[in-house]
Every structure is written in C-alpha cells, then in structure tokens.
Amino acid sequence: MSHFNTCAVCDTAIGHQFLMCPSHWHLVPRQMKSEVYRCWIDLRAVAHLTLGPERQRAQAEYDEMRAAAINAVNERLQAREAYLRQHQAPPERTLPQRTPTTPRKGGHRADHE
C-alpha cells in the first residue's frame, strides 16, 4: 500500500518521502535544497532513537530547513504574482457602440426598380 502526502505549498498528492510537488520544489534555491536533503538524511539516521537529544536536534534542524524552503517558495510565488500584476497588459479599449441609424431616403437599390 502506498502512502501519500500533499505538497507543503499546494494540494497536489505526492509520495510520503517528498516535501513538495516537482513544480514547487523547482522554486527552492539549490543550496537550500541541499540543506533540506542533508537535514532529512540526518533525521533518518537517528529516527530509531525515541526522543533522545540527537533525534530532537535533528528534528528541530529539519523543521527549520523545511520551513525556510516553504517560505522561499511562497516568497518567489508572491514576487511572481506582484510582477505579473504590475506588468499586466492594460484592458483592451472598447469602441463606443454605434446606434442604429434609419435608412437613407430611397432605401436599397432594389426598392427603385
């Protein structure tokens, strides 16, 4: 049986070993990704310890890096949104509606035959 989590940024279903969906993980700065991985590996190495000081330290370090990665993605998404709002094309001008006019005296050519 597979276990799934949801992305820490959106509601996309992801595997239990992942923090974010690929599109959001791509927004995490490279150095921060390395730190998240390092903390995750450190935490997995002491996972068998039940609440010992090493496990608590590793958990706190991972939680801190996890939060930093989520914040980095949210900041990039907000910056992208602000940029798009600022550089959004102005609404198209609408031409004034023409009012129907009455036909000229004499009407169509067919009327004169």
PDB file of N, CA and C in Angstrom:
ATOM      1  N   MET A   1       0.844  -1.176   0.000  1.00  0.00           N
ATOM      2  CA  MET A   1       0.000   0.000   0.000  1.00  0.00           C
ATOM      3  C   MET A   1       0.890   1.240   0.000  1.00  0.00           C
ATOM      4  N   SER A   2       0.600   2.173  -0.873  1.00  0.00           N
ATOM      5  CA  SER A   2       1.380   3.406  -0.972  1.00  0.00           C
ATOM      6  C   SER A   2       0.827   4.456  -0.015  1.00  0.00           C
ATOM      7  N   HIS A   3       1.728   5.252   0.511  1.00  0.00           N
ATOM      8  CA  HIS A   3       1.330   6.348   1.379  1.00  0.00           C
ATOM      9  C   HIS A   3       1.587   7.648   0.636  1.00  0.00           C
ATOM     10  N   PHE A   4       0.657   8.563   0.758  1.00  0.00           N
ATOM     11  CA  PHE A   4       0.798   9.828   0.075  1.00  0.00           C
ATOM     12  C   PHE A   4       0.642  10.975   1.057  1.00  0.00           C
ATOM     13  N   ASN A   5       1.325  12.043   0.759  1.00  0.00           N
ATOM     14  CA  ASN A   5       1.182  13.312   1.461  1.00  0.00           C
ATOM     15  C   ASN A   5       0.708  14.321   0.441  1.00  0.00           C
ATOM     16  N   THR A   6       0.510  15.542   0.889  1.00  0.00           N
ATOM     17  CA  THR A   6       0.235  16.625  -0.051  1.00  0.00           C
ATOM     18  C   THR A   6       1.407  17.586  -0.009  1.00  0.00           C
ATOM     19  N   CYS A   7       1.605  18.264  -1.113  1.00  0.00           N
ATOM     20  CA  CYS A   7       2.674  19.257  -1.222  1.00  0.00           C
ATOM     21  C   CYS A   7       2.513  20.274  -0.097  1.00  0.00           C
ATOM     22  N   ALA A   8       3.620  20.750   0.433  1.00  0.00           N
ATOM     23  CA  ALA A   8       3.589  21.734   1.520  1.00  0.00           C
ATOM     24  C   ALA A   8       3.109  23.100   1.042  1.00  0.00           C
ATOM     25  N   VAL A   9       3.026  23.298  -0.285  1.00  0.00           N
ATOM     26  CA  VAL A   9       2.623  24.597  -0.829  1.00  0.00           C
ATOM     27  C   VAL A   9       1.239  24.534  -1.477  1.00  0.00           C
ATOM     28  N   CYS A  10       0.932  23.415  -2.134  1.00  0.00           N
ATOM     29  CA  CYS A  10      -0.368  23.280  -2.795  1.00  0.00           C
ATOM     30  C   CYS A  10      -1.013  21.959  -2.358  1.00  0.00           C
ATOM     31  N   ASP A  11      -2.089  21.573  -2.985  1.00  0.00           N
ATOM     32  CA  ASP A  11      -2.804  20.355  -2.596  1.00  0.00           C
ATOM     33  C   ASP A  11      -2.473  19.144  -3.466  1.00  0.00           C
ATOM     34  N   THR A  12      -1.389  19.195  -4.209  1.00  0.00           N
ATOM     35  CA  THR A  12      -1.006  18.085  -5.074  1.00  0.00           C
ATOM     36  C   THR A  12      -0.571  16.883  -4.235  1.00  0.00           C
ATOM     37  N   ALA A  13      -1.065  15.708  -4.590  1.00  0.00           N
ATOM     38  CA  ALA A  13      -0.668  14.485  -3.900  1.00  0.00           C
ATOM     39  C   ALA A  13       0.762  14.128  -4.310  1.00  0.00           C
ATOM     40  N   ILE A  14       1.578  13.819  -3.304  1.00  0.00           N
ATOM     41  CA  ILE A  14       2.983  13.454  -3.542  1.00  0.00           C
ATOM     42  C   ILE A  14       3.321  12.248  -2.687  1.00  0.00           C
ATOM     43  N   GLY A  15       4.420  11.606  -2.962  1.00  0.00           N
ATOM     44  CA  GLY A  15       4.866  10.484  -2.154  1.00  0.00           C
ATOM     45  C   GLY A  15       5.235  10.925  -0.747  1.00  0.00           C
ATOM     46  N   HIS A  16       5.186   9.996   0.190  1.00  0.00           N
ATOM     47  CA  HIS A  16       5.438  10.334   1.599  1.00  0.00           C
ATOM     48  C   HIS A  16       6.857  10.830   1.847  1.00  0.00           C
ATOM     49  N   GLN A  17       7.793  10.521   0.967  1.00  0.00           N
ATOM     50  CA  GLN A  17       9.179  10.929   1.172  1.00  0.00           C
ATOM     51  C   GLN A  17       9.478  12.324   0.630  1.00  0.00           C
ATOM     52  N   PHE A  18       8.503  12.951  -0.026  1.00  0.00           N
ATOM     53  CA  PHE A  18       8.736  14.262  -0.622  1.00  0.00           C
ATOM     54  C   PHE A  18       8.149  15.384   0.228  1.00  0.00           C
ATOM     55  N   LEU A  19       8.738  16.553   0.086  1.00  0.00           N
ATOM     56  CA  LEU A  19       8.258  17.737   0.796  1.00  0.00           C
ATOM     57  C   LEU A  19       7.283  18.525  -0.061  1.00  0.00           C
ATOM     58  N   MET A  20       7.576  18.612  -1.361  1.00  0.00           N
ATOM     59  CA  MET A  20       6.775  19.424  -2.285  1.00  0.00           C
ATOM     60  C   MET A  20       6.613  18.695  -3.607  1.00  0.00           C
ATOM     61  N   CYS A  21       5.644  19.172  -4.387  1.00  0.00           N
ATOM     62  CA  CYS A  21       5.487  18.670  -5.747  1.00  0.00           C
ATOM     63  C   CYS A  21       6.667  19.189  -6.588  1.00  0.00           C
ATOM     64  N   PRO A  22       6.953  18.552  -7.711  1.00  0.00           N
ATOM     65  CA  PRO A  22       8.104  18.971  -8.519  1.00  0.00           C
ATOM     66  C   PRO A  22       8.074  20.436  -8.952  1.00  0.00           C
ATOM     67  N   SER A  23       6.906  20.956  -9.294  1.00  0.00           N
ATOM     68  CA  SER A  23       6.865  22.350  -9.760  1.00  0.00           C
ATOM     69  C   SER A  23       7.221  23.340  -8.654  1.00  0.00           C
ATOM     70  N   HIS A  24       6.878  23.033  -7.407  1.00  0.00           N
ATOM     71  CA  HIS A  24       7.242  23.931  -6.312  1.00  0.00           C
ATOM     72  C   HIS A  24       8.675  23.661  -5.824  1.00  0.00           C
ATOM     73  N   TRP A  25       9.098  22.396  -5.813  1.00  0.00           N
ATOM     74  CA  TRP A  25      10.469  22.072  -5.407  1.00  0.00           C
ATOM     75  C   TRP A  25      11.463  22.765  -6.332  1.00  0.00           C
ATOM     76  N   HIS A  26      11.089  22.915  -7.588  1.00  0.00           N
ATOM     77  CA  HIS A  26      11.954  23.591  -8.565  1.00  0.00           C
ATOM     78  C   HIS A  26      12.224  25.046  -8.160  1.00  0.00           C
ATOM     79  N   LEU A  27      11.342  25.648  -7.388  1.00  0.00           N
ATOM     80  CA  LEU A  27      11.495  27.049  -6.969  1.00  0.00           C
ATOM     81  C   LEU A  27      12.394  27.222  -5.740  1.00  0.00           C
ATOM     82  N   VAL A  28      12.737  26.135  -5.079  1.00  0.00           N
ATOM     83  CA  VAL A  28      13.618  26.217  -3.906  1.00  0.00           C
ATOM     84  C   VAL A  28      15.044  26.443  -4.400  1.00  0.00           C
ATOM     85  N   PRO A  29      15.752  27.428  -3.832  1.00  0.00           N
ATOM     86  CA  PRO A  29      17.142  27.660  -4.240  1.00  0.00           C
ATOM     87  C   PRO A  29      18.000  26.400  -4.047  1.00  0.00           C
ATOM     88  N   ARG A  30      18.948  26.196  -4.940  1.00  0.00           N
ATOM     89  CA  ARG A  30      19.764  24.971  -4.969  1.00  0.00           C
ATOM     90  C   ARG A  30      20.445  24.685  -3.631  1.00  0.00           C
ATOM     91  N   GLN A  31      21.083  25.698  -3.039  1.00  0.00           N
ATOM     92  CA  GLN A  31      21.792  25.486  -1.770  1.00  0.00           C
ATOM     93  C   GLN A  31      20.814  25.062  -0.671  1.00  0.00           C
ATOM     94  N   MET A  32      19.623  25.645  -0.692  1.00  0.00           N
ATOM     95  CA  MET A  32      18.630  25.291   0.318  1.00  0.00           C
ATOM     96  C   MET A  32      18.145  23.854   0.118  1.00  0.00           C
ATOM     97  N   LYS A  33      18.007  23.428  -1.138  1.00  0.00           N
ATOM     98  CA  LYS A  33      17.631  22.031  -1.403  1.00  0.00           C
ATOM     99  C   LYS A  33      18.649  21.089  -0.782  1.00  0.00           C
ATOM    100  N   SER A  34      19.935  21.414  -0.963  1.00  0.00           N
ATOM    101  CA  SER A  34      20.994  20.572  -0.402  1.00  0.00           C
ATOM    102  C   SER A  34      20.895  20.494   1.117  1.00  0.00           C
ATOM    103  N   GLU A  35      20.596  21.624   1.740  1.00  0.00           N
ATOM    104  CA  GLU A  35      20.464  21.653   3.204  1.00  0.00           C
ATOM    105  C   GLU A  35      19.255  20.847   3.676  1.00  0.00           C
ATOM    106  N   VAL A  36      18.145  20.962   2.962  1.00  0.00           N
ATOM    107  CA  VAL A  36      16.954  20.178   3.322  1.00  0.00           C
ATOM    108  C   VAL A  36      17.276  18.687   3.220  1.00  0.00           C
ATOM    109  N   TYR A  37      17.919  18.280   2.130  1.00  0.00           N
ATOM    110  CA  TYR A  37      18.311  16.880   1.969  1.00  0.00           C
ATOM    111  C   TYR A  37      19.232  16.429   3.099  1.00  0.00           C
ATOM    112  N   ARG A  38      20.243  17.252   3.414  1.00  0.00           N
ATOM    113  CA  ARG A  38      21.192  16.887   4.474  1.00  0.00           C
ATOM    114  C   ARG A  38      20.462  16.696   5.803  1.00  0.00           C
ATOM    115  N   CYS A  39      19.571  17.623   6.131  1.00  0.00           N
ATOM    116  CA  CYS A  39      18.818  17.523   7.393  1.00  0.00           C
ATOM    117  C   CYS A  39      17.909  16.289   7.393  1.00  0.00           C
ATOM    118  N   TRP A  40      17.305  15.993   6.247  1.00  0.00           N
ATOM    119  CA  TRP A  40      16.432  14.829   6.133  1.00  0.00           C
ATOM    120  C   TRP A  40      17.234  13.539   6.360  1.00  0.00           C
ATOM    121  N   ILE A  41      18.408  13.476   5.759  1.00  0.00           N
ATOM    122  CA  ILE A  41      19.257  12.285   5.920  1.00  0.00           C
ATOM    123  C   ILE A  41      19.706  12.152   7.372  1.00  0.00           C
ATOM    124  N   ASP A  42      20.086  13.278   7.989  1.00  0.00           N
ATOM    125  CA  ASP A  42      20.480  13.250   9.406  1.00  0.00           C
ATOM    126  C   ASP A  42      19.327  12.767  10.288  1.00  0.00           C
ATOM    127  N   LEU A  43      18.127  13.240   9.985  1.00  0.00           N
ATOM    128  CA  LEU A  43      16.961  12.845  10.775  1.00  0.00           C
ATOM    129  C   LEU A  43      16.674  11.357  10.584  1.00  0.00           C
ATOM    130  N   ARG A  44      16.769  10.870   9.354  1.00  0.00           N
ATOM    131  CA  ARG A  44      16.529   9.445   9.097  1.00  0.00           C
ATOM    132  C   ARG A  44      17.572   8.572   9.811  1.00  0.00           C
ATOM    133  N   ALA A  45      18.788   9.074   9.939  1.00  0.00           N
ATOM    134  CA  ALA A  45      19.852   8.304  10.588  1.00  0.00           C
ATOM    135  C   ALA A  45      19.598   8.093  12.075  1.00  0.00           C
ATOM    136  N   VAL A  46      18.889   9.035  12.710  1.00  0.00           N
ATOM    137  CA  VAL A  46      18.621   8.917  14.152  1.00  0.00           C
ATOM    138  C   VAL A  46      17.144   8.657  14.430  1.00  0.00           C
ATOM    139  N   ALA A  47      16.384   8.271  13.406  1.00  0.00           N
ATOM    140  CA  ALA A  47      14.941   8.063  13.565  1.00  0.00           C
ATOM    141  C   ALA A  47      14.622   6.935  14.546  1.00  0.00           C
ATOM    142  N   HIS A  48      15.519   6.000  14.684  1.00  0.00           N
ATOM    143  CA  HIS A  48      15.282   4.871  15.592  1.00  0.00           C
ATOM    144  C   HIS A  48      15.367   5.292  17.063  1.00  0.00           C
ATOM    145  N   LEU A  49      15.982   6.431  17.321  1.00  0.00           N
ATOM    146  CA  LEU A  49      16.095   6.915  18.705  1.00  0.00           C
ATOM    147  C   LEU A  49      14.778   7.569  19.096  1.00  0.00           C
ATOM    148  N   THR A  50      14.237   7.157  20.225  1.00  0.00           N
ATOM    149  CA  THR A  50      12.961   7.728  20.645  1.00  0.00           C
ATOM    150  C   THR A  50      13.202   8.955  21.504  1.00  0.00           C
ATOM    151  N   LEU A  51      13.056  10.086  20.894  1.00  0.00           N
ATOM    152  CA  LEU A  51      13.124  11.394  21.563  1.00  0.00           C
ATOM    153  C   LEU A  51      14.403  11.636  22.351  1.00  0.00           C
ATOM    154  N   GLY A  52      15.498  11.052  21.944  1.00  0.00           N
ATOM    155  CA  GLY A  52      16.783  11.356  22.558  1.00  0.00           C
ATOM    156  C   GLY A  52      17.248  12.726  22.088  1.00  0.00           C
ATOM    157  N   PRO A  53      18.288  13.277  22.698  1.00  0.00           N
ATOM    158  CA  PRO A  53      18.745  14.609  22.331  1.00  0.00           C
ATOM    159  C   PRO A  53      19.214  14.693  20.873  1.00  0.00           C
ATOM    160  N   GLU A  54      19.803  13.623  20.353  1.00  0.00           N
ATOM    161  CA  GLU A  54      20.240  13.650  18.945  1.00  0.00           C
ATOM    162  C   GLU A  54      19.039  13.739  18.010  1.00  0.00           C
ATOM    163  N   ARG A  55      18.027  12.979  18.324  1.00  0.00           N
ATOM    164  CA  ARG A  55      16.827  12.997  17.483  1.00  0.00           C
ATOM    165  C   ARG A  55      16.132  14.354  17.577  1.00  0.00           C
ATOM    166  N   GLN A  56      16.036  14.909  18.761  1.00  0.00           N
ATOM    167  CA  GLN A  56      15.398  16.217  18.930  1.00  0.00           C
ATOM    168  C   GLN A  56      16.157  17.290  18.151  1.00  0.00           C
ATOM    169  N   ARG A  57      17.490  17.244  18.201  1.00  0.00           N
ATOM    170  CA  ARG A  57      18.290  18.209  17.459  1.00  0.00           C
ATOM    171  C   ARG A  57      18.079  18.050  15.965  1.00  0.00           C
ATOM    172  N   ALA A  58      18.116  16.799  15.496  1.00  0.00           N
ATOM    173  CA  ALA A  58      17.930  16.547  14.071  1.00  0.00           C
ATOM    174  C   ALA A  58      16.538  16.956  13.618  1.00  0.00           C
ATOM    175  N   GLN A  59      15.528  16.690  14.430  1.00  0.00           N
ATOM    176  CA  GLN A  59      14.149  17.066  14.084  1.00  0.00           C
ATOM    177  C   GLN A  59      14.000  18.581  14.030  1.00  0.00           C
ATOM    178  N   ALA A  60      14.568  19.279  15.005  1.00  0.00           N
ATOM    179  CA  ALA A  60      14.484  20.742  15.025  1.00  0.00           C
ATOM    180  C   ALA A  60      15.194  21.351  13.819  1.00  0.00           C
ATOM    181  N   GLU A  61      16.354  20.798  13.478  1.00  0.00           N
ATOM    182  CA  GLU A  61      17.108  21.300  12.328  1.00  0.00           C
ATOM    183  C   GLU A  61      16.336  21.069  11.023  1.00  0.00           C
ATOM    184  N   TYR A  62      15.745  19.877  10.892  1.00  0.00           N
ATOM    185  CA  TYR A  62      14.956  19.584   9.690  1.00  0.00           C
ATOM    186  C   TYR A  62      13.726  20.489   9.618  1.00  0.00           C
ATOM    187  N   ASP A  63      13.038  20.660  10.739  1.00  0.00           N
ATOM    188  CA  ASP A  63      11.841  21.517  10.759  1.00  0.00           C
ATOM    189  C   ASP A  63      12.185  22.951  10.352  1.00  0.00           C
ATOM    190  N   GLU A  64      13.331  23.430  10.814  1.00  0.00           N
ATOM    191  CA  GLU A  64      13.775  24.786  10.476  1.00  0.00           C
ATOM    192  C   GLU A  64      14.056  24.908   8.973  1.00  0.00           C
ATOM    193  N   MET A  65      14.770  23.928   8.420  1.00  0.00           N
ATOM    194  CA  MET A  65      15.080  23.973   6.982  1.00  0.00           C
ATOM    195  C   MET A  65      13.828  23.783   6.139  1.00  0.00           C
ATOM    196  N   ARG A  66      12.929  22.940   6.589  1.00  0.00           N
ATOM    197  CA  ARG A  66      11.666  22.709   5.887  1.00  0.00           C
ATOM    198  C   ARG A  66      10.874  24.016   5.818  1.00  0.00           C
ATOM    199  N   ALA A  67      10.759  24.695   6.942  1.00  0.00           N
ATOM    200  CA  ALA A  67      10.024  25.966   6.981  1.00  0.00           C
ATOM    201  C   ALA A  67      10.698  27.018   6.093  1.00  0.00           C
ATOM    202  N   ALA A  68      12.029  27.035   6.099  1.00  0.00           N
ATOM    203  CA  ALA A  68      12.757  28.003   5.268  1.00  0.00           C
ATOM    204  C   ALA A  68      12.498  27.736   3.787  1.00  0.00           C
ATOM    205  N   ALA A  69      12.470  26.467   3.384  1.00  0.00           N
ATOM    206  CA  ALA A  69      12.212  26.121   1.985  1.00  0.00           C
ATOM    207  C   ALA A  69      10.795  26.518   1.579  1.00  0.00           C
ATOM    208  N   ILE A  70       9.830  26.256   2.438  1.00  0.00           N
ATOM    209  CA  ILE A  70       8.437  26.629   2.152  1.00  0.00           C
ATOM    210  C   ILE A  70       8.320  28.138   2.039  1.00  0.00           C
ATOM    211  N   ASN A  71       8.957  28.873   2.949  1.00  0.00           N
ATOM    212  CA  ASN A  71       8.926  30.337   2.897  1.00  0.00           C
ATOM    213  C   ASN A  71       9.580  30.862   1.624  1.00  0.00           C
ATOM    214  N   ALA A  72      10.676  30.238   1.210  1.00  0.00           N
ATOM    215  CA  ALA A  72      11.364  30.675  -0.009  1.00  0.00           C
ATOM    216  C   ALA A  72      10.453  30.520  -1.221  1.00  0.00           C
ATOM    217  N   VAL A  73       9.739  29.403  -1.290  1.00  0.00           N
ATOM    218  CA  VAL A  73       8.820  29.182  -2.412  1.00  0.00           C
ATOM    219  C   VAL A  73       7.683  30.195  -2.367  1.00  0.00           C
ATOM    220  N   ASN A  74       7.100  30.392  -1.194  1.00  0.00           N
ATOM    221  CA  ASN A  74       5.992  31.355  -1.079  1.00  0.00           C
ATOM    222  C   ASN A  74       6.434  32.767  -1.453  1.00  0.00           C
ATOM    223  N   GLU A  75       7.643  33.147  -1.049  1.00  0.00           N
ATOM    224  CA  GLU A  75       8.157  34.478  -1.411  1.00  0.00           C
ATOM    225  C   GLU A  75       8.327  34.604  -2.918  1.00  0.00           C
ATOM    226  N   ARG A  76       8.842  33.564  -3.562  1.00  0.00           N
ATOM    227  CA  ARG A  76       9.011  33.607  -5.023  1.00  0.00           C
ATOM    228  C   ARG A  76       7.661  33.665  -5.729  1.00  0.00           C
ATOM    229  N   LEU A  77       6.689  32.924  -5.219  1.00  0.00           N
ATOM    230  CA  LEU A  77       5.354  32.952  -5.830  1.00  0.00           C
ATOM    231  C   LEU A  77       4.707  34.330  -5.673  1.00  0.00           C
ATOM    232  N   GLN A  78       4.868  34.946  -4.509  1.00  0.00           N
ATOM    233  CA  GLN A  78       4.312  36.284  -4.279  1.00  0.00           C
ATOM    234  C   GLN A  78       5.006  37.308  -5.154  1.00  0.00           C
ATOM    235  N   ALA A  79       6.328  37.199  -5.309  1.00  0.00           N
ATOM    236  CA  ALA A  79       7.065  38.130  -6.166  1.00  0.00           C
ATOM    237  C   ALA A  79       6.611  37.980  -7.619  1.00  0.00           C
ATOM    238  N   ARG A  80       6.399  36.743  -8.050  1.00  0.00           N
ATOM    239  CA  ARG A  80       5.936  36.498  -9.419  1.00  0.00           C
ATOM    240  C   ARG A  80       4.544  37.099  -9.631  1.00  0.00           C
ATOM    241  N   GLU A  81       3.670  36.918  -8.644  1.00  0.00           N
ATOM    242  CA  GLU A  81       2.319  37.478  -8.729  1.00  0.00           C
ATOM    243  C   GLU A  81       2.359  39.005  -8.811  1.00  0.00           C
ATOM    244  N   ALA A  82       3.180  39.630  -7.975  1.00  0.00           N
ATOM    245  CA  ALA A  82       3.296  41.092  -7.969  1.00  0.00           C
ATOM    246  C   ALA A  82       3.836  41.581  -9.307  1.00  0.00           C
ATOM    247  N   TYR A  83       4.817  40.891  -9.841  1.00  0.00           N
ATOM    248  CA  TYR A  83       5.381  41.269 -11.145  1.00  0.00           C
ATOM    249  C   TYR A  83       4.318  41.181 -12.237  1.00  0.00           C
ATOM    250  N   LEU A  84       3.582  40.094 -12.237  1.00  0.00           N
ATOM    251  CA  LEU A  84       2.549  39.928 -13.258  1.00  0.00           C
ATOM    252  C   LEU A  84       1.452  40.977 -13.132  1.00  0.00           C
ATOM    253  N   ARG A  85       1.082  41.310 -11.896  1.00  0.00           N
ATOM    254  CA  ARG A  85       0.067  42.365 -11.699  1.00  0.00           C
ATOM    255  C   ARG A  85       0.578  43.703 -12.213  1.00  0.00           C
ATOM    256  N   GLN A  86       1.847  43.987 -11.955  1.00  0.00           N
ATOM    257  CA  GLN A  86       2.436  45.263 -12.350  1.00  0.00           C
ATOM    258  C   GLN A  86       2.601  45.352 -13.867  1.00  0.00           C
ATOM    259  N   HIS A  87       2.923  44.249 -14.500  1.00  0.00           N
ATOM    260  CA  HIS A  87       3.195  44.259 -15.928  1.00  0.00           C
ATOM    261  C   HIS A  87       2.057  43.689 -16.763  1.00  0.00           C
ATOM    262  N   GLN A  88       0.912  43.623 -16.159  1.00  0.00           N
ATOM    263  CA  GLN A  88      -0.245  43.096 -16.862  1.00  0.00           C
ATOM    264  C   GLN A  88      -0.652  44.072 -17.961  1.00  0.00           C
ATOM    265  N   ALA A  89      -1.041  43.548 -19.088  1.00  0.00           N
ATOM    266  CA  ALA A  89      -1.473  44.398 -20.198  1.00  0.00           C
ATOM    267  C   ALA A  89      -2.714  45.176 -19.779  1.00  0.00           C
ATOM    268  N   PRO A  90      -2.798  46.449 -20.196  1.00  0.00           N
ATOM    269  CA  PRO A  90      -3.984  47.216 -19.836  1.00  0.00           C
ATOM    270  C   PRO A  90      -5.208  46.613 -20.516  1.00  0.00           C
ATOM    271  N   PRO A  91      -6.361  46.807 -19.927  1.00  0.00           N
ATOM    272  CA  PRO A  91      -7.562  46.249 -20.547  1.00  0.00           C
ATOM    273  C   PRO A  91      -7.758  46.840 -21.940  1.00  0.00           C
ATOM    274  N   GLU A  92      -8.274  46.030 -22.825  1.00  0.00           N
ATOM    275  CA  GLU A  92      -8.478  46.498 -24.190  1.00  0.00           C
ATOM    276  C   GLU A  92      -9.509  47.620 -24.206  1.00  0.00           C
ATOM    277  N   ARG A  93      -9.236  48.582 -25.072  1.00  0.00           N
ATOM    278  CA  ARG A  93     -10.199  49.682 -25.208  1.00  0.00           C
ATOM    279  C   ARG A  93     -11.419  49.160 -25.934  1.00  0.00           C
ATOM    280  N   THR A  94     -12.532  49.586 -25.478  1.00  0.00           N
ATOM    281  CA  THR A  94     -13.758  49.202 -26.172  1.00  0.00           C
ATOM    282  C   THR A  94     -14.243  50.393 -26.973  1.00  0.00           C
ATOM    283  N   LEU A  95     -14.643  50.118 -28.162  1.00  0.00           N
ATOM    284  CA  LEU A  95     -15.162  51.186 -29.013  1.00  0.00           C
ATOM    285  C   LEU A  95     -16.589  51.488 -28.597  1.00  0.00           C
ATOM    286  N   PRO A  96     -16.973  52.772 -28.734  1.00  0.00           N
ATOM    287  CA  PRO A  96     -18.356  53.097 -28.371  1.00  0.00           C
ATOM    288  C   PRO A  96     -19.311  52.347 -29.295  1.00  0.00           C
ATOM    289  N   GLN A  97     -20.414  51.953 -28.737  1.00  0.00           N
ATOM    290  CA  GLN A  97     -21.416  51.234 -29.510  1.00  0.00           C
ATOM    291  C   GLN A  97     -22.094  52.194 -30.482  1.00  0.00           C
ATOM    292  N   ARG A  98     -22.223  51.756 -31.697  1.00  0.00           N
ATOM    293  CA  ARG A  98     -22.914  52.579 -32.689  1.00  0.00           C
ATOM    294  C   ARG A  98     -24.408  52.369 -32.525  1.00  0.00           C
ATOM    295  N   THR A  99     -25.109  53.446 -32.604  1.00  0.00           N
ATOM    296  CA  THR A  99     -26.564  53.329 -32.528  1.00  0.00           C
ATOM    297  C   THR A  99     -27.090  53.087 -33.939  1.00  0.00           C
ATOM    298  N   PRO A 100     -28.102  52.256 -34.058  1.00  0.00           N
ATOM    299  CA  PRO A 100     -28.647  52.004 -35.395  1.00  0.00           C
ATOM    300  C   PRO A 100     -29.197  53.295 -35.991  1.00  0.00           C
ATOM    301  N   THR A 101     -28.956  53.477 -37.265  1.00  0.00           N
ATOM    302  CA  THR A 101     -29.465  54.680 -37.945  1.00  0.00           C
ATOM    303  C   THR A 101     -30.627  54.290 -38.843  1.00  0.00           C
ATOM    304  N   THR A 102     -31.423  55.249 -39.157  1.00  0.00           N
ATOM    305  CA  THR A 102     -32.538  54.974 -40.069  1.00  0.00           C
ATOM    306  C   THR A 102     -32.005  54.980 -41.485  1.00  0.00           C
ATOM    307  N   PRO A 103     -32.534  54.141 -42.356  1.00  0.00           N
ATOM    308  CA  PRO A 103     -32.028  54.112 -43.717  1.00  0.00           C
ATOM    309  C   PRO A 103     -32.232  55.457 -44.412  1.00  0.00           C
ATOM    310  N   ARG A 104     -31.341  55.757 -45.331  1.00  0.00           N
ATOM    311  CA  ARG A 104     -31.472  56.993 -46.092  1.00  0.00           C
ATOM    312  C   ARG A 104     -32.727  56.950 -46.950  1.00  0.00           C
ATOM    313  N   LYS A 105     -33.148  58.105 -47.300  1.00  0.00           N
ATOM    314  CA  LYS A 105     -34.331  58.196 -48.141  1.00  0.00           C
ATOM    315  C   LYS A 105     -34.028  57.500 -49.459  1.00  0.00           C
ATOM    316  N   GLY A 106     -34.875  56.691 -49.890  1.00  0.00           N
ATOM    317  CA  GLY A 106     -34.680  55.974 -51.123  1.00  0.00           C
ATOM    318  C   GLY A 106     -34.349  54.517 -50.884  1.00  0.00           C
ATOM    319  N   GLY A 107     -33.808  54.184 -49.735  1.00  0.00           N
ATOM    320  CA  GLY A 107     -33.556  52.800 -49.369  1.00  0.00           C
ATOM    321  C   GLY A 107     -32.568  52.103 -50.269  1.00  0.00           C
ATOM    322  N   HIS A 108     -32.782  50.814 -50.459  1.00  0.00           N
ATOM    323  CA  HIS A 108     -31.887  49.993 -51.263  1.00  0.00           C
ATOM    324  C   HIS A 108     -32.173  50.142 -52.743  1.00  0.00           C
ATOM    325  N   ARG A 109     -31.229  49.715 -53.521  1.00  0.00           N
ATOM    326  CA  ARG A 109     -31.343  49.765 -54.968  1.00  0.00           C
ATOM    327  C   ARG A 109     -32.562  48.957 -55.453  1.00  0.00           C
ATOM    328  N   ALA A 110     -32.831  47.862 -54.797  1.00  0.00           N
ATOM    329  CA  ALA A 110     -33.959  47.012 -55.198  1.00  0.00           C
ATOM    330  C   ALA A 110     -35.279  47.742 -55.061  1.00  0.00           C
ATOM    331  N   ASP A 111     -35.324  48.747 -54.181  1.00  0.00           N
ATOM    332  CA  ASP A 111     -36.573  49.490 -53.979  1.00  0.00           C
ATOM    333  C   ASP A 111     -36.890  50.393 -55.174  1.00  0.00           C
ATOM    334  N   HIS A 112     -35.891  50.726 -56.003  1.00  0.00           N
ATOM    335  CA  HIS A 112     -36.101  51.671 -57.079  1.00  0.00           C
ATOM    336  C   HIS A 112     -36.401  50.992 -58.404  1.00  0.00           C
ATOM    337  N   GLU A 113     -36.341  49.707 -58.510  1.00  0.00           N
ATOM    338  CA  GLU A 113     -36.549  49.038 -59.785  1.00  0.00           C
ATOM    339  C   GLU A 113     -37.970  48.847 -60.104  1.00  0.00           C
TER     340      GLU A 113
END
